[in-house]
Amino acid sequence: MDWVETDTPGFWIKVLLDETGAHTSAGNPTHGNTQLMRVDAGAFADFHDHAQLEEIYVLDGEFTDQYTTYRAGDYCVRAIGEPHQAGSDTGCTVLLVYRD
């Protein structure tokens, strides 16, 4: 699976699971996906938000937001619609999970 560049330069993703349009066994719709994201050293995304809960687990390198720097093994979660920045001075790979 190749890395796909996002609309933000220096941010790359691999979609591992996309549940858009899927349904539970009870027939209820589910929404969400799981991705690997690679951030190039020096890449930065200004304030933005997501329509889903965002979970981030740092696999390697250092991932930074407006509050702190997360290192390999660190985890953070963002509420639906929470404005945040993102980037990496050193480069990193993170596991992203988006869900309702």
C-alpha atoms as a PDB file:
ATOM      1  CA  MET A   1       0.000   0.000   0.000  1.00  0.00           C
ATOM      2  CA  ASP A   2       1.486   3.334  -1.055  1.00  0.00           C
ATOM      3  CA  TRP A   3       1.469   6.527   1.001  1.00  0.00           C
ATOM      4  CA  VAL A   4      -1.033   9.071  -0.349  1.00  0.00           C
ATOM      5  CA  GLU A   5      -0.338  12.766   0.163  1.00  0.00           C
ATOM      6  CA  THR A   6      -3.143  14.712   1.816  1.00  0.00           C
ATOM      7  CA  ASP A   7      -4.232  18.289   1.062  1.00  0.00           C
ATOM      8  CA  THR A   8      -1.696  19.424   3.670  1.00  0.00           C
ATOM      9  CA  PRO A   9       1.866  19.262   2.300  1.00  0.00           C
ATOM     10  CA  GLY A  10       4.060  16.847   4.235  1.00  0.00           C
ATOM     11  CA  PHE A  11       1.146  14.801   5.614  1.00  0.00           C
ATOM     12  CA  TRP A  12       0.721  11.317   4.096  1.00  0.00           C
ATOM     13  CA  ILE A  13      -1.824   8.586   4.868  1.00  0.00           C
ATOM     14  CA  LYS A  14      -2.553   4.913   4.321  1.00  0.00           C
ATOM     15  CA  VAL A  15      -6.213   4.046   4.951  1.00  0.00           C
ATOM     16  CA  LEU A  16      -6.329   0.693   6.751  1.00  0.00           C
ATOM     17  CA  LEU A  17     -10.096   0.487   7.336  1.00  0.00           C
ATOM     18  CA  ASP A  18     -12.906   2.655   6.000  1.00  0.00           C
ATOM     19  CA  GLU A  19     -16.321   2.032   7.548  1.00  0.00           C
ATOM     20  CA  THR A  20     -18.119   4.782   5.654  1.00  0.00           C
ATOM     21  CA  GLY A  21     -21.479   3.328   4.661  1.00  0.00           C
ATOM     22  CA  ALA A  22     -21.054   0.194   6.790  1.00  0.00           C
ATOM     23  CA  HIS A  23     -23.789  -1.009   9.148  1.00  0.00           C
ATOM     24  CA  THR A  24     -23.894  -2.813  12.469  1.00  0.00           C
ATOM     25  CA  SER A  25     -25.648  -6.177  12.785  1.00  0.00           C
ATOM     26  CA  ALA A  26     -28.700  -4.235  14.000  1.00  0.00           C
ATOM     27  CA  GLY A  27     -28.696  -2.230  10.773  1.00  0.00           C
ATOM     28  CA  ASN A  28     -27.439   1.026  12.294  1.00  0.00           C
ATOM     29  CA  PRO A  29     -24.980   2.993  10.152  1.00  0.00           C
ATOM     30  CA  THR A  30     -21.367   3.231  11.321  1.00  0.00           C
ATOM     31  CA  HIS A  31     -18.874   5.871  10.345  1.00  0.00           C
ATOM     32  CA  GLY A  32     -15.164   5.951  10.910  1.00  0.00           C
ATOM     33  CA  ASN A  33     -11.831   4.851   9.660  1.00  0.00           C
ATOM     34  CA  THR A  34      -8.366   3.813  10.722  1.00  0.00           C
ATOM     35  CA  GLN A  35      -5.269   5.254   9.085  1.00  0.00           C
ATOM     36  CA  LEU A  36      -1.536   5.379   9.340  1.00  0.00           C
ATOM     37  CA  MET A  37      -0.285   8.933   8.950  1.00  0.00           C
ATOM     38  CA  ARG A  38       3.284   9.975   8.238  1.00  0.00           C
ATOM     39  CA  VAL A  39       4.295  13.570   8.892  1.00  0.00           C
ATOM     40  CA  ASP A  40       7.470  14.839   7.247  1.00  0.00           C
ATOM     41  CA  ALA A  41       9.992  16.716   9.376  1.00  0.00           C
ATOM     42  CA  GLY A  42       8.955  20.366   9.522  1.00  0.00           C
ATOM     43  CA  ALA A  43       5.414  19.789   8.194  1.00  0.00           C
ATOM     44  CA  PHE A  44       2.686  21.757   9.970  1.00  0.00           C
ATOM     45  CA  ALA A  45      -1.107  22.043   9.759  1.00  0.00           C
ATOM     46  CA  ASP A  46      -2.709  25.193  11.153  1.00  0.00           C
ATOM     47  CA  PHE A  47      -5.905  25.126  13.228  1.00  0.00           C
ATOM     48  CA  HIS A  48      -8.542  22.739  11.878  1.00  0.00           C
ATOM     49  CA  ASP A  49     -11.129  20.327  13.276  1.00  0.00           C
ATOM     50  CA  HIS A  50     -12.817  17.047  12.430  1.00  0.00           C
ATOM     51  CA  ALA A  51     -16.455  15.962  12.324  1.00  0.00           C
ATOM     52  CA  GLN A  52     -15.517  12.807  14.252  1.00  0.00           C
ATOM     53  CA  LEU A  53     -13.660  11.891  17.419  1.00  0.00           C
ATOM     54  CA  GLU A  54      -9.936  11.632  16.619  1.00  0.00           C
ATOM     55  CA  GLU A  55      -7.599   9.224  18.405  1.00  0.00           C
ATOM     56  CA  ILE A  56      -3.842   9.468  17.820  1.00  0.00           C
ATOM     57  CA  TYR A  57      -1.227   6.915  18.879  1.00  0.00           C
ATOM     58  CA  VAL A  58       2.391   7.833  18.093  1.00  0.00           C
ATOM     59  CA  LEU A  59       4.325   4.918  16.595  1.00  0.00           C
ATOM     60  CA  ASP A  60       7.655   6.684  16.024  1.00  0.00           C
ATOM     61  CA  GLY A  61       9.155  10.162  16.015  1.00  0.00           C
ATOM     62  CA  GLU A  62       7.543  13.190  17.649  1.00  0.00           C
ATOM     63  CA  PHE A  63       4.068  14.581  16.937  1.00  0.00           C
ATOM     64  CA  THR A  64       3.243  18.124  18.107  1.00  0.00           C
ATOM     65  CA  ASP A  65       0.040  20.080  18.634  1.00  0.00           C
ATOM     66  CA  GLN A  66      -0.607  23.480  20.203  1.00  0.00           C
ATOM     67  CA  TYR A  67      -0.245  21.987  23.686  1.00  0.00           C
ATOM     68  CA  THR A  68       2.614  19.502  23.754  1.00  0.00           C
ATOM     69  CA  THR A  69       4.928  17.094  21.941  1.00  0.00           C
ATOM     70  CA  TYR A  70       3.926  13.424  21.894  1.00  0.00           C
ATOM     71  CA  ARG A  71       6.562  10.702  21.513  1.00  0.00           C
ATOM     72  CA  ALA A  72       6.450   7.029  20.544  1.00  0.00           C
ATOM     73  CA  GLY A  73       3.908   5.285  22.766  1.00  0.00           C
ATOM     74  CA  ASP A  74       1.972   8.458  23.594  1.00  0.00           C
ATOM     75  CA  TYR A  75      -1.774   8.704  22.975  1.00  0.00           C
ATOM     76  CA  CYS A  76      -4.140  11.645  22.650  1.00  0.00           C
ATOM     77  CA  VAL A  77      -7.799  12.040  21.797  1.00  0.00           C
ATOM     78  CA  ARG A  78      -9.671  15.036  20.427  1.00  0.00           C
ATOM     79  CA  ALA A  79     -13.378  15.703  20.805  1.00  0.00           C
ATOM     80  CA  ILE A  80     -15.586  16.142  17.756  1.00  0.00           C
ATOM     81  CA  GLY A  81     -15.089  19.675  16.424  1.00  0.00           C
ATOM     82  CA  GLU A  82     -12.122  20.500  18.705  1.00  0.00           C
ATOM     83  CA  PRO A  83      -9.840  22.974  16.893  1.00  0.00           C
ATOM     84  CA  HIS A  84      -6.195  21.924  16.939  1.00  0.00           C
ATOM     85  CA  GLN A  85      -2.861  22.274  15.176  1.00  0.00           C
ATOM     86  CA  ALA A  86      -0.627  19.390  14.154  1.00  0.00           C
ATOM     87  CA  GLY A  87       2.912  18.885  12.960  1.00  0.00           C
ATOM     88  CA  SER A  88       6.321  17.426  13.577  1.00  0.00           C
ATOM     89  CA  ASP A  89       9.764  18.985  13.852  1.00  0.00           C
ATOM     90  CA  THR A  90      11.493  15.607  13.469  1.00  0.00           C
ATOM     91  CA  GLY A  91       8.980  13.601  11.423  1.00  0.00           C
ATOM     92  CA  CYS A  92       6.719  10.886  12.799  1.00  0.00           C
ATOM     93  CA  THR A  93       4.300   8.061  12.070  1.00  0.00           C
ATOM     94  CA  VAL A  94       1.004   7.850  13.969  1.00  0.00           C
ATOM     95  CA  LEU A  95      -2.017   5.577  14.030  1.00  0.00           C
ATOM     96  CA  LEU A  96      -5.232   7.589  13.578  1.00  0.00           C
ATOM     97  CA  VAL A  97      -8.734   6.394  14.392  1.00  0.00           C
ATOM     98  CA  TYR A  98     -11.763   8.511  13.506  1.00  0.00           C
ATOM     99  CA  ARG A  99     -15.207   7.543  14.797  1.00  0.00           C
ATOM    100  CA  ASP A 100     -18.576   8.975  15.730  1.00  0.00           C
END
